[in-house]
Full PDB file with SEQRES, HELIX, SHEET, SSBOND, CRYST1, ORIGX, SCALE, CONECT and MASTER records, all heavy atoms in Angstrom:
SEQRES   1 A   38  TYR ASP THR VAL LYS ASN LEU ASN PHE GLU VAL ILE ILE          
SEQRES   2 A   38  SER ASP ASN SER PRO ASN ASP ASN THR ALA GLY VAL ILE          
SEQRES   3 A   38  ASN LYS ILE LYS SER LYS TYR LYS ASP LEU THR PHE              
HELIX    1 AA1 THR A   22  ILE A   29  1                                   8    
HELIX    2 AA2 LYS A   30  LYS A   32  5                                   3    
SHEET    1 AA1 2 VAL A  11  ILE A  12  0                                        
SHEET    2 AA1 2 LEU A  36  THR A  37  1                                        
CRYST1    1.000    1.000    1.000  90.00  90.00  90.00 P 1           1          
ORIGX1      1.000000  0.000000  0.000000        0.00000                         
ORIGX2      0.000000  1.000000  0.000000        0.00000                         
ORIGX3      0.000000  0.000000  1.000000        0.00000                         
SCALE1      1.000000  0.000000  0.000000        0.00000                         
SCALE2      0.000000  1.000000  0.000000        0.00000                         
SCALE3      0.000000  0.000000  1.000000        0.00000                         
ATOM      1  N   TYR A   1      -1.323   0.686  -3.226  1.00  0.00           N  
ATOM      2  CA  TYR A   1      -0.433  -0.462  -3.045  1.00  0.00           C  
ATOM      3  C   TYR A   1      -1.011  -1.819  -3.508  1.00  0.00           C  
ATOM      4  O   TYR A   1      -0.280  -2.712  -3.899  1.00  0.00           O  
ATOM      5  CB  TYR A   1       0.050  -0.521  -1.626  1.00  0.00           C  
ATOM      6  CG  TYR A   1       1.075   0.577  -1.286  1.00  0.00           C  
ATOM      7  CD1 TYR A   1       0.669   1.837  -0.875  1.00  0.00           C  
ATOM      8  CD2 TYR A   1       2.416   0.335  -1.419  1.00  0.00           C  
ATOM      9  CE1 TYR A   1       1.605   2.834  -0.564  1.00  0.00           C  
ATOM     10  CE2 TYR A   1       3.427   1.299  -1.111  1.00  0.00           C  
ATOM     11  CZ  TYR A   1       2.930   2.607  -0.670  1.00  0.00           C  
ATOM     12  OH  TYR A   1       3.826   3.588  -0.393  1.00  0.00           O  
ATOM     13  N   ASP A   2      -2.332  -1.898  -3.477  1.00  0.00           N  
ATOM     14  CA  ASP A   2      -2.998  -3.175  -3.892  1.00  0.00           C  
ATOM     15  C   ASP A   2      -3.050  -3.310  -5.335  1.00  0.00           C  
ATOM     16  O   ASP A   2      -3.254  -4.463  -5.842  1.00  0.00           O  
ATOM     17  CB  ASP A   2      -4.301  -3.291  -3.213  1.00  0.00           C  
ATOM     18  CG  ASP A   2      -4.287  -3.483  -1.721  1.00  0.00           C  
ATOM     19  OD1 ASP A   2      -3.204  -3.798  -1.199  1.00  0.00           O  
ATOM     20  OD2 ASP A   2      -5.310  -3.379  -1.089  1.00  0.00           O  
ATOM     21  N   THR A   3      -3.066  -2.190  -6.089  1.00  0.00           N  
ATOM     22  CA  THR A   3      -3.303  -2.289  -7.517  1.00  0.00           C  
ATOM     23  C   THR A   3      -2.106  -2.006  -8.426  1.00  0.00           C  
ATOM     24  O   THR A   3      -2.167  -2.401  -9.601  1.00  0.00           O  
ATOM     25  CB  THR A   3      -4.426  -1.271  -7.940  1.00  0.00           C  
ATOM     26  OG1 THR A   3      -3.988   0.055  -7.732  1.00  0.00           O  
ATOM     27  CG2 THR A   3      -5.674  -1.525  -7.172  1.00  0.00           C  
ATOM     28  N   VAL A   4      -1.086  -1.423  -7.890  1.00  0.00           N  
ATOM     29  CA  VAL A   4       0.074  -1.064  -8.725  1.00  0.00           C  
ATOM     30  C   VAL A   4       1.062  -2.249  -8.732  1.00  0.00           C  
ATOM     31  O   VAL A   4       1.604  -2.614  -7.645  1.00  0.00           O  
ATOM     32  CB  VAL A   4       0.761   0.189  -8.207  1.00  0.00           C  
ATOM     33  CG1 VAL A   4       2.021   0.481  -9.007  1.00  0.00           C  
ATOM     34  CG2 VAL A   4      -0.176   1.395  -8.180  1.00  0.00           C  
ATOM     35  N   LYS A   5       1.268  -2.833  -9.875  1.00  0.00           N  
ATOM     36  CA  LYS A   5       2.127  -3.982 -10.019  1.00  0.00           C  
ATOM     37  C   LYS A   5       3.266  -3.631 -10.956  1.00  0.00           C  
ATOM     38  O   LYS A   5       3.093  -2.913 -11.965  1.00  0.00           O  
ATOM     39  CB  LYS A   5       1.306  -5.174 -10.572  1.00  0.00           C  
ATOM     40  CG  LYS A   5       0.022  -5.423  -9.908  1.00  0.00           C  
ATOM     41  CD  LYS A   5       0.183  -5.830  -8.435  1.00  0.00           C  
ATOM     42  CE  LYS A   5      -1.176  -6.163  -7.821  1.00  0.00           C  
ATOM     43  NZ  LYS A   5      -1.040  -6.450  -6.350  1.00  0.00           N  
ATOM     44  N   ASN A   6       4.440  -4.167 -10.735  1.00  0.00           N  
ATOM     45  CA  ASN A   6       5.604  -4.130 -11.596  1.00  0.00           C  
ATOM     46  C   ASN A   6       5.952  -2.612 -11.981  1.00  0.00           C  
ATOM     47  O   ASN A   6       6.302  -2.368 -13.110  1.00  0.00           O  
ATOM     48  CB  ASN A   6       5.307  -4.922 -12.904  1.00  0.00           C  
ATOM     49  CG  ASN A   6       5.028  -6.344 -12.614  1.00  0.00           C  
ATOM     50  OD1 ASN A   6       5.699  -6.932 -11.802  1.00  0.00           O  
ATOM     51  ND2 ASN A   6       4.025  -6.868 -13.311  1.00  0.00           N  
ATOM     52  N   LEU A   7       5.842  -1.785 -11.005  1.00  0.00           N  
ATOM     53  CA  LEU A   7       6.223  -0.347 -11.222  1.00  0.00           C  
ATOM     54  C   LEU A   7       7.020   0.135  -9.987  1.00  0.00           C  
ATOM     55  O   LEU A   7       6.592  -0.073  -8.868  1.00  0.00           O  
ATOM     56  CB  LEU A   7       4.960   0.483 -11.374  1.00  0.00           C  
ATOM     57  CG  LEU A   7       5.170   1.948 -11.805  1.00  0.00           C  
ATOM     58  CD1 LEU A   7       5.758   2.042 -13.170  1.00  0.00           C  
ATOM     59  CD2 LEU A   7       3.854   2.727 -11.704  1.00  0.00           C  
ATOM     60  N   ASN A   8       8.122   0.679 -10.264  1.00  0.00           N  
ATOM     61  CA  ASN A   8       8.928   1.340  -9.175  1.00  0.00           C  
ATOM     62  C   ASN A   8       8.380   2.681  -8.828  1.00  0.00           C  
ATOM     63  O   ASN A   8       8.520   3.635  -9.535  1.00  0.00           O  
ATOM     64  CB  ASN A   8      10.393   1.416  -9.676  1.00  0.00           C  
ATOM     65  CG  ASN A   8      11.382   1.814  -8.625  1.00  0.00           C  
ATOM     66  OD1 ASN A   8      11.045   1.852  -7.456  1.00  0.00           O  
ATOM     67  ND2 ASN A   8      12.550   2.181  -8.933  1.00  0.00           N  
ATOM     68  N   PHE A   9       7.666   2.762  -7.633  1.00  0.00           N  
ATOM     69  CA  PHE A   9       6.999   4.022  -7.329  1.00  0.00           C  
ATOM     70  C   PHE A   9       7.244   4.354  -5.806  1.00  0.00           C  
ATOM     71  O   PHE A   9       7.702   3.488  -5.022  1.00  0.00           O  
ATOM     72  CB  PHE A   9       5.544   3.944  -7.622  1.00  0.00           C  
ATOM     73  CG  PHE A   9       4.760   3.014  -6.662  1.00  0.00           C  
ATOM     74  CD1 PHE A   9       4.044   3.569  -5.545  1.00  0.00           C  
ATOM     75  CD2 PHE A   9       4.693   1.665  -6.847  1.00  0.00           C  
ATOM     76  CE1 PHE A   9       3.353   2.826  -4.711  1.00  0.00           C  
ATOM     77  CE2 PHE A   9       3.984   0.859  -5.942  1.00  0.00           C  
ATOM     78  CZ  PHE A   9       3.294   1.439  -4.878  1.00  0.00           C  
ATOM     79  N   GLU A  10       6.962   5.603  -5.548  1.00  0.00           N  
ATOM     80  CA  GLU A  10       7.008   6.104  -4.173  1.00  0.00           C  
ATOM     81  C   GLU A  10       5.760   6.880  -3.809  1.00  0.00           C  
ATOM     82  O   GLU A  10       5.097   7.412  -4.759  1.00  0.00           O  
ATOM     83  CB  GLU A  10       8.239   6.921  -3.949  1.00  0.00           C  
ATOM     84  CG  GLU A  10       8.253   8.204  -4.742  1.00  0.00           C  
ATOM     85  CD  GLU A  10       9.561   9.101  -4.638  1.00  0.00           C  
ATOM     86  OE1 GLU A  10      10.371   8.698  -3.781  1.00  0.00           O  
ATOM     87  OE2 GLU A  10       9.694  10.028  -5.394  1.00  0.00           O  
ATOM     88  N   VAL A  11       5.395   6.998  -2.600  1.00  0.00           N  
ATOM     89  CA  VAL A  11       4.266   7.803  -2.233  1.00  0.00           C  
ATOM     90  C   VAL A  11       4.754   8.877  -1.132  1.00  0.00           C  
ATOM     91  O   VAL A  11       5.459   8.573  -0.235  1.00  0.00           O  
ATOM     92  CB  VAL A  11       3.175   6.952  -1.621  1.00  0.00           C  
ATOM     93  CG1 VAL A  11       2.038   7.870  -1.044  1.00  0.00           C  
ATOM     94  CG2 VAL A  11       2.584   5.970  -2.576  1.00  0.00           C  
ATOM     95  N   ILE A  12       4.383  10.139  -1.481  1.00  0.00           N  
ATOM     96  CA  ILE A  12       4.797  11.230  -0.587  1.00  0.00           C  
ATOM     97  C   ILE A  12       3.529  11.897  -0.099  1.00  0.00           C  
ATOM     98  O   ILE A  12       2.697  12.389  -0.849  1.00  0.00           O  
ATOM     99  CB  ILE A  12       5.685  12.246  -1.271  1.00  0.00           C  
ATOM    100  CG1 ILE A  12       6.980  11.483  -1.792  1.00  0.00           C  
ATOM    101  CG2 ILE A  12       6.092  13.427  -0.392  1.00  0.00           C  
ATOM    102  CD1 ILE A  12       7.711  12.237  -2.913  1.00  0.00           C  
ATOM    103  N   ILE A  13       3.352  11.949   1.264  1.00  0.00           N  
ATOM    104  CA  ILE A  13       2.155  12.617   1.852  1.00  0.00           C  
ATOM    105  C   ILE A  13       2.595  13.899   2.472  1.00  0.00           C  
ATOM    106  O   ILE A  13       3.552  13.976   3.262  1.00  0.00           O  
ATOM    107  CB  ILE A  13       1.530  11.736   2.866  1.00  0.00           C  
ATOM    108  CG1 ILE A  13       0.949  10.440   2.221  1.00  0.00           C  
ATOM    109  CG2 ILE A  13       0.392  12.498   3.553  1.00  0.00           C  
ATOM    110  CD1 ILE A  13       0.405   9.474   3.240  1.00  0.00           C  
ATOM    111  N   SER A  14       1.984  15.019   1.987  1.00  0.00           N  
ATOM    112  CA  SER A  14       2.221  16.331   2.617  1.00  0.00           C  
ATOM    113  C   SER A  14       0.968  16.718   3.374  1.00  0.00           C  
ATOM    114  O   SER A  14      -0.049  17.028   2.834  1.00  0.00           O  
ATOM    115  CB  SER A  14       2.470  17.376   1.450  1.00  0.00           C  
ATOM    116  OG  SER A  14       2.619  18.692   1.918  1.00  0.00           O  
ATOM    117  N   ASP A  15       1.074  16.658   4.737  1.00  0.00           N  
ATOM    118  CA  ASP A  15      -0.077  16.765   5.620  1.00  0.00           C  
ATOM    119  C   ASP A  15      -0.330  18.241   6.021  1.00  0.00           C  
ATOM    120  O   ASP A  15       0.548  18.850   6.726  1.00  0.00           O  
ATOM    121  CB  ASP A  15       0.059  15.902   6.821  1.00  0.00           C  
ATOM    122  CG  ASP A  15      -1.157  15.907   7.697  1.00  0.00           C  
ATOM    123  OD1 ASP A  15      -2.261  16.103   7.164  1.00  0.00           O  
ATOM    124  OD2 ASP A  15      -0.987  15.764   8.943  1.00  0.00           O  
ATOM    125  N   ASN A  16      -1.458  18.758   5.674  1.00  0.00           N  
ATOM    126  CA  ASN A  16      -1.809  20.144   5.935  1.00  0.00           C  
ATOM    127  C   ASN A  16      -2.748  20.318   7.125  1.00  0.00           C  
ATOM    128  O   ASN A  16      -3.352  21.406   7.285  1.00  0.00           O  
ATOM    129  CB  ASN A  16      -2.525  20.839   4.730  1.00  0.00           C  
ATOM    130  CG  ASN A  16      -1.545  21.493   3.770  1.00  0.00           C  
ATOM    131  OD1 ASN A  16      -0.382  21.829   4.182  1.00  0.00           O  
ATOM    132  ND2 ASN A  16      -1.976  21.674   2.560  1.00  0.00           N  
ATOM    133  N   SER A  17      -2.939  19.264   7.924  1.00  0.00           N  
ATOM    134  CA  SER A  17      -4.004  19.297   8.951  1.00  0.00           C  
ATOM    135  C   SER A  17      -3.285  19.144  10.304  1.00  0.00           C  
ATOM    136  O   SER A  17      -3.240  18.102  10.863  1.00  0.00           O  
ATOM    137  CB  SER A  17      -5.018  18.203   8.764  1.00  0.00           C  
ATOM    138  OG  SER A  17      -4.379  17.006   8.320  1.00  0.00           O  
ATOM    139  N   PRO A  18      -2.848  20.280  10.910  1.00  0.00           N  
ATOM    140  CA  PRO A  18      -2.158  20.237  12.227  1.00  0.00           C  
ATOM    141  C   PRO A  18      -3.071  19.783  13.387  1.00  0.00           C  
ATOM    142  O   PRO A  18      -2.517  19.338  14.421  1.00  0.00           O  
ATOM    143  CB  PRO A  18      -1.614  21.603  12.381  1.00  0.00           C  
ATOM    144  CG  PRO A  18      -2.542  22.451  11.590  1.00  0.00           C  
ATOM    145  CD  PRO A  18      -2.926  21.632  10.438  1.00  0.00           C  
ATOM    146  N   ASN A  19      -4.356  19.901  13.220  1.00  0.00           N  
ATOM    147  CA  ASN A  19      -5.266  19.679  14.379  1.00  0.00           C  
ATOM    148  C   ASN A  19      -6.070  18.380  14.278  1.00  0.00           C  
ATOM    149  O   ASN A  19      -7.055  18.281  15.035  1.00  0.00           O  
ATOM    150  CB  ASN A  19      -6.159  20.852  14.538  1.00  0.00           C  
ATOM    151  CG  ASN A  19      -5.417  22.144  14.853  1.00  0.00           C  
ATOM    152  OD1 ASN A  19      -4.425  22.111  15.614  1.00  0.00           O  
ATOM    153  ND2 ASN A  19      -5.831  23.252  14.283  1.00  0.00           N  
ATOM    154  N   ASP A  20      -5.723  17.457  13.339  1.00  0.00           N  
ATOM    155  CA  ASP A  20      -6.411  16.221  13.339  1.00  0.00           C  
ATOM    156  C   ASP A  20      -5.453  15.068  13.548  1.00  0.00           C  
ATOM    157  O   ASP A  20      -4.263  15.314  13.823  1.00  0.00           O  
ATOM    158  CB  ASP A  20      -7.323  16.058  12.076  1.00  0.00           C  
ATOM    159  CG  ASP A  20      -6.430  15.603  10.915  1.00  0.00           C  
ATOM    160  OD1 ASP A  20      -5.248  15.681  10.893  1.00  0.00           O  
ATOM    161  OD2 ASP A  20      -7.073  15.122   9.903  1.00  0.00           O  
ATOM    162  N   ASN A  21      -5.881  13.856  13.405  1.00  0.00           N  
ATOM    163  CA  ASN A  21      -5.008  12.704  13.706  1.00  0.00           C  
ATOM    164  C   ASN A  21      -4.498  11.975  12.463  1.00  0.00           C  
ATOM    165  O   ASN A  21      -4.215  10.794  12.537  1.00  0.00           O  
ATOM    166  CB  ASN A  21      -5.852  11.667  14.547  1.00  0.00           C  
ATOM    167  CG  ASN A  21      -4.953  10.595  15.150  1.00  0.00           C  
ATOM    168  OD1 ASN A  21      -3.867  10.966  15.639  1.00  0.00           O  
ATOM    169  ND2 ASN A  21      -5.440   9.396  15.243  1.00  0.00           N  
ATOM    170  N   THR A  22      -4.358  12.710  11.350  1.00  0.00           N  
ATOM    171  CA  THR A  22      -3.793  12.099  10.187  1.00  0.00           C  
ATOM    172  C   THR A  22      -2.429  11.518  10.429  1.00  0.00           C  
ATOM    173  O   THR A  22      -2.069  10.424  10.067  1.00  0.00           O  
ATOM    174  CB  THR A  22      -3.724  13.073   9.008  1.00  0.00           C  
ATOM    175  OG1 THR A  22      -5.050  13.550   8.688  1.00  0.00           O  
ATOM    176  CG2 THR A  22      -3.180  12.410   7.734  1.00  0.00           C  
ATOM    177  N   ALA A  23      -1.591  12.241  11.148  1.00  0.00           N  
ATOM    178  CA  ALA A  23      -0.255  11.803  11.444  1.00  0.00           C  
ATOM    179  C   ALA A  23      -0.329  10.552  12.290  1.00  0.00           C  
ATOM    180  O   ALA A  23       0.532   9.586  12.046  1.00  0.00           O  
ATOM    181  CB  ALA A  23       0.551  12.873  12.210  1.00  0.00           C  
ATOM    182  N   GLY A  24      -1.184  10.468  13.258  1.00  0.00           N  
ATOM    183  CA  GLY A  24      -1.336   9.288  14.087  1.00  0.00           C  
ATOM    184  C   GLY A  24      -1.768   8.075  13.270  1.00  0.00           C  
ATOM    185  O   GLY A  24      -1.281   6.934  13.477  1.00  0.00           O  
ATOM    186  N   VAL A  25      -2.674   8.251  12.333  1.00  0.00           N  
ATOM    187  CA  VAL A  25      -3.123   7.203  11.472  1.00  0.00           C  
ATOM    188  C   VAL A  25      -1.996   6.677  10.671  1.00  0.00           C  
ATOM    189  O   VAL A  25      -1.770   5.417  10.550  1.00  0.00           O  
ATOM    190  CB  VAL A  25      -4.323   7.630  10.611  1.00  0.00           C  
ATOM    191  CG1 VAL A  25      -4.613   6.545   9.528  1.00  0.00           C  
ATOM    192  CG2 VAL A  25      -5.501   7.968  11.439  1.00  0.00           C  
ATOM    193  N   ILE A  26      -1.254   7.566  10.050  1.00  0.00           N  
ATOM    194  CA  ILE A  26      -0.138   7.193   9.225  1.00  0.00           C  
ATOM    195  C   ILE A  26       0.935   6.462   9.976  1.00  0.00           C  
ATOM    196  O   ILE A  26       1.457   5.384   9.529  1.00  0.00           O  
ATOM    197  CB  ILE A  26       0.534   8.427   8.515  1.00  0.00           C  
ATOM    198  CG1 ILE A  26      -0.510   9.054   7.535  1.00  0.00           C  
ATOM    199  CG2 ILE A  26       1.816   7.989   7.788  1.00  0.00           C  
ATOM    200  CD1 ILE A  26      -0.826   8.183   6.386  1.00  0.00           C  
ATOM    201  N   ASN A  27       1.330   6.938  11.190  1.00  0.00           N  
ATOM    202  CA  ASN A  27       2.240   6.276  12.094  1.00  0.00           C  
ATOM    203  C   ASN A  27       1.812   4.861  12.371  1.00  0.00           C  
ATOM    204  O   ASN A  27       2.659   3.939  12.490  1.00  0.00           O  
ATOM    205  CB  ASN A  27       2.535   7.043  13.283  1.00  0.00           C  
ATOM    206  CG  ASN A  27       3.327   8.298  13.056  1.00  0.00           C  
ATOM    207  OD1 ASN A  27       4.215   8.286  12.144  1.00  0.00           O  
ATOM    208  ND2 ASN A  27       3.223   9.358  13.811  1.00  0.00           N  
ATOM    209  N   LYS A  28       0.549   4.681  12.580  1.00  0.00           N  
ATOM    210  CA  LYS A  28       0.013   3.376  12.974  1.00  0.00           C  
ATOM    211  C   LYS A  28       0.039   2.374  11.801  1.00  0.00           C  
ATOM    212  O   LYS A  28       0.227   1.121  11.973  1.00  0.00           O  
ATOM    213  CB  LYS A  28      -1.430   3.543  13.409  1.00  0.00           C  
ATOM    214  CG  LYS A  28      -2.026   2.347  14.086  1.00  0.00           C  
ATOM    215  CD  LYS A  28      -3.439   2.714  14.588  1.00  0.00           C  
ATOM    216  CE  LYS A  28      -4.011   1.413  15.300  1.00  0.00           C  
ATOM    217  NZ  LYS A  28      -5.386   1.761  15.791  1.00  0.00           N  
ATOM    218  N   ILE A  29      -0.138   2.844  10.576  1.00  0.00           N  
ATOM    219  CA  ILE A  29      -0.242   1.887   9.461  1.00  0.00           C  
ATOM    220  C   ILE A  29       0.969   1.921   8.474  1.00  0.00           C  
ATOM    221  O   ILE A  29       1.010   1.073   7.514  1.00  0.00           O  
ATOM    222  CB  ILE A  29      -1.498   2.217   8.586  1.00  0.00           C  
ATOM    223  CG1 ILE A  29      -1.386   3.633   7.968  1.00  0.00           C  
ATOM    224  CG2 ILE A  29      -2.790   2.109   9.461  1.00  0.00           C  
ATOM    225  CD1 ILE A  29      -2.575   4.007   7.086  1.00  0.00           C  
ATOM    226  N   LYS A  30       1.949   2.810   8.664  1.00  0.00           N  
ATOM    227  CA  LYS A  30       2.979   2.988   7.639  1.00  0.00           C  
ATOM    228  C   LYS A  30       3.867   1.787   7.460  1.00  0.00           C  
ATOM    229  O   LYS A  30       4.465   1.655   6.379  1.00  0.00           O  
ATOM    230  CB  LYS A  30       3.816   4.222   8.018  1.00  0.00           C  
ATOM    231  CG  LYS A  30       4.652   4.064   9.246  1.00  0.00           C  
ATOM    232  CD  LYS A  30       5.454   5.340   9.490  1.00  0.00           C  
ATOM    233  CE  LYS A  30       6.340   5.194  10.736  1.00  0.00           C  
ATOM    234  NZ  LYS A  30       7.161   6.400  10.981  1.00  0.00           N  
ATOM    235  N   SER A  31       3.892   0.886   8.365  1.00  0.00           N  
ATOM    236  CA  SER A  31       4.765  -0.288   8.250  1.00  0.00           C  
ATOM    237  C   SER A  31       4.337  -1.203   7.124  1.00  0.00           C  
ATOM    238  O   SER A  31       5.123  -1.979   6.644  1.00  0.00           O  
ATOM    239  CB  SER A  31       4.807  -1.079   9.593  1.00  0.00           C  
ATOM    240  OG  SER A  31       3.476  -1.528   9.907  1.00  0.00           O  
ATOM    241  N   LYS A  32       3.069  -1.070   6.721  1.00  0.00           N  
ATOM    242  CA  LYS A  32       2.604  -2.007   5.618  1.00  0.00           C  
ATOM    243  C   LYS A  32       2.839  -1.318   4.205  1.00  0.00           C  
ATOM    244  O   LYS A  32       2.552  -1.980   3.236  1.00  0.00           O  
ATOM    245  CB  LYS A  32       1.143  -2.378   5.807  1.00  0.00           C  
ATOM    246  CG  LYS A  32       0.123  -1.254   5.676  1.00  0.00           C  
ATOM    247  CD  LYS A  32      -1.284  -1.848   5.843  1.00  0.00           C  
ATOM    248  CE  LYS A  32      -2.373  -0.754   5.720  1.00  0.00           C  
ATOM    249  NZ  LYS A  32      -3.699  -1.295   5.717  1.00  0.00           N  
ATOM    250  N   TYR A  33       3.361  -0.192   4.162  1.00  0.00           N  
ATOM    251  CA  TYR A  33       3.628   0.522   2.910  1.00  0.00           C  
ATOM    252  C   TYR A  33       5.100   0.799   2.770  1.00  0.00           C  
ATOM    253  O   TYR A  33       5.694   1.456   3.577  1.00  0.00           O  
ATOM    254  CB  TYR A  33       2.883   1.886   2.830  1.00  0.00           C  
ATOM    255  CG  TYR A  33       1.421   1.748   3.124  1.00  0.00           C  
ATOM    256  CD1 TYR A  33       0.825   2.407   4.211  1.00  0.00           C  
ATOM    257  CD2 TYR A  33       0.520   1.024   2.344  1.00  0.00           C  
ATOM    258  CE1 TYR A  33      -0.491   2.388   4.493  1.00  0.00           C  
ATOM    259  CE2 TYR A  33      -0.822   0.969   2.584  1.00  0.00           C  
ATOM    260  CZ  TYR A  33      -1.324   1.625   3.695  1.00  0.00           C  
ATOM    261  OH  TYR A  33      -2.665   1.587   3.907  1.00  0.00           O  
ATOM    262  N   LYS A  34       5.681   0.359   1.669  1.00  0.00           N  
ATOM    263  CA  LYS A  34       7.073   0.610   1.355  1.00  0.00           C  
ATOM    264  C   LYS A  34       7.179   1.983   0.669  1.00  0.00           C  
ATOM    265  O   LYS A  34       6.286   2.449  -0.003  1.00  0.00           O  
ATOM    266  CB  LYS A  34       7.685  -0.457   0.531  1.00  0.00           C  
ATOM    267  CG  LYS A  34       7.100  -0.608  -0.866  1.00  0.00           C  
ATOM    268  CD  LYS A  34       7.857  -1.653  -1.650  1.00  0.00           C  
ATOM    269  CE  LYS A  34       7.353  -1.658  -3.089  1.00  0.00           C  
ATOM    270  NZ  LYS A  34       8.096  -2.591  -3.969  1.00  0.00           N  
ATOM    271  N   ASP A  35       8.349   2.599   0.795  1.00  0.00           N  
ATOM    272  CA  ASP A  35       8.658   3.878   0.107  1.00  0.00           C  
ATOM    273  C   ASP A  35       7.572   4.867   0.330  1.00  0.00           C  
ATOM    274  O   ASP A  35       7.163   5.595  -0.615  1.00  0.00           O  
ATOM    275  CB  ASP A  35       8.827   3.580  -1.442  1.00  0.00           C  
ATOM    276  CG  ASP A  35      10.009   2.682  -1.716  1.00  0.00           C  
ATOM    277  OD1 ASP A  35      11.071   2.837  -1.075  1.00  0.00           O  
ATOM    278  OD2 ASP A  35       9.873   1.750  -2.592  1.00  0.00           O  
ATOM    279  N   LEU A  36       7.199   5.012   1.580  1.00  0.00           N  
ATOM    280  CA  LEU A  36       6.221   6.092   1.928  1.00  0.00           C  
ATOM    281  C   LEU A  36       6.937   7.170   2.738  1.00  0.00           C  
ATOM    282  O   LEU A  36       7.579   6.884   3.737  1.00  0.00           O  
ATOM    283  CB  LEU A  36       5.085   5.471   2.753  1.00  0.00           C  
ATOM    284  CG  LEU A  36       4.081   6.428   3.374  1.00  0.00           C  
ATOM    285  CD1 LEU A  36       3.292   7.126   2.264  1.00  0.00           C  
ATOM    286  CD2 LEU A  36       3.102   5.695   4.299  1.00  0.00           C  
ATOM    287  N   THR A  37       6.777   8.404   2.260  1.00  0.00           N  
ATOM    288  CA  THR A  37       7.376   9.532   2.972  1.00  0.00           C  
ATOM    289  C   THR A  37       6.219  10.397   3.475  1.00  0.00           C  
ATOM    290  O   THR A  37       5.338  10.766   2.800  1.00  0.00           O  
ATOM    291  CB  THR A  37       8.264  10.403   2.021  1.00  0.00           C  
ATOM    292  OG1 THR A  37       9.257   9.569   1.489  1.00  0.00           O  
ATOM    293  CG2 THR A  37       8.795  11.639   2.737  1.00  0.00           C  
ATOM    294  N   PHE A  38       6.340  10.734   4.831  1.00  0.00           N  
ATOM    295  CA  PHE A  38       5.273  11.585   5.390  1.00  0.00           C  
ATOM    296  C   PHE A  38       5.894  12.864   5.872  1.00  0.00           C  
ATOM    297  O   PHE A  38       6.883  12.932   6.598  1.00  0.00           O  
ATOM    298  CB  PHE A  38       4.642  10.861   6.597  1.00  0.00           C  
ATOM    299  CG  PHE A  38       3.529  11.580   7.261  1.00  0.00           C  
ATOM    300  CD1 PHE A  38       2.278  11.674   6.654  1.00  0.00           C  
ATOM    301  CD2 PHE A  38       3.758  12.269   8.469  1.00  0.00           C  
ATOM    302  CE1 PHE A  38       1.268  12.395   7.317  1.00  0.00           C  
ATOM    303  CE2 PHE A  38       2.750  12.973   9.051  1.00  0.00           C  
ATOM    304  CZ  PHE A  38       1.462  13.047   8.493  1.00  0.00           C  
TER     305      PHE A  38                                                      
MASTER        0    0    0    2    2    0    0    6  304    1    0    3          
END                                                                             
C-alpha cells in the first residue's frame, strides 16, 4: 500500500493458519487498507 501508486488493485489474503493470531492481527489493522479481503 505504501509503494503502489495510480493502480486500481485489491489484496486477497487466504489464511491457512487456524492456530495462530494472523486473523487477529488482520482485524486489528485492516482499517488502514482499502480493498482488502480476508
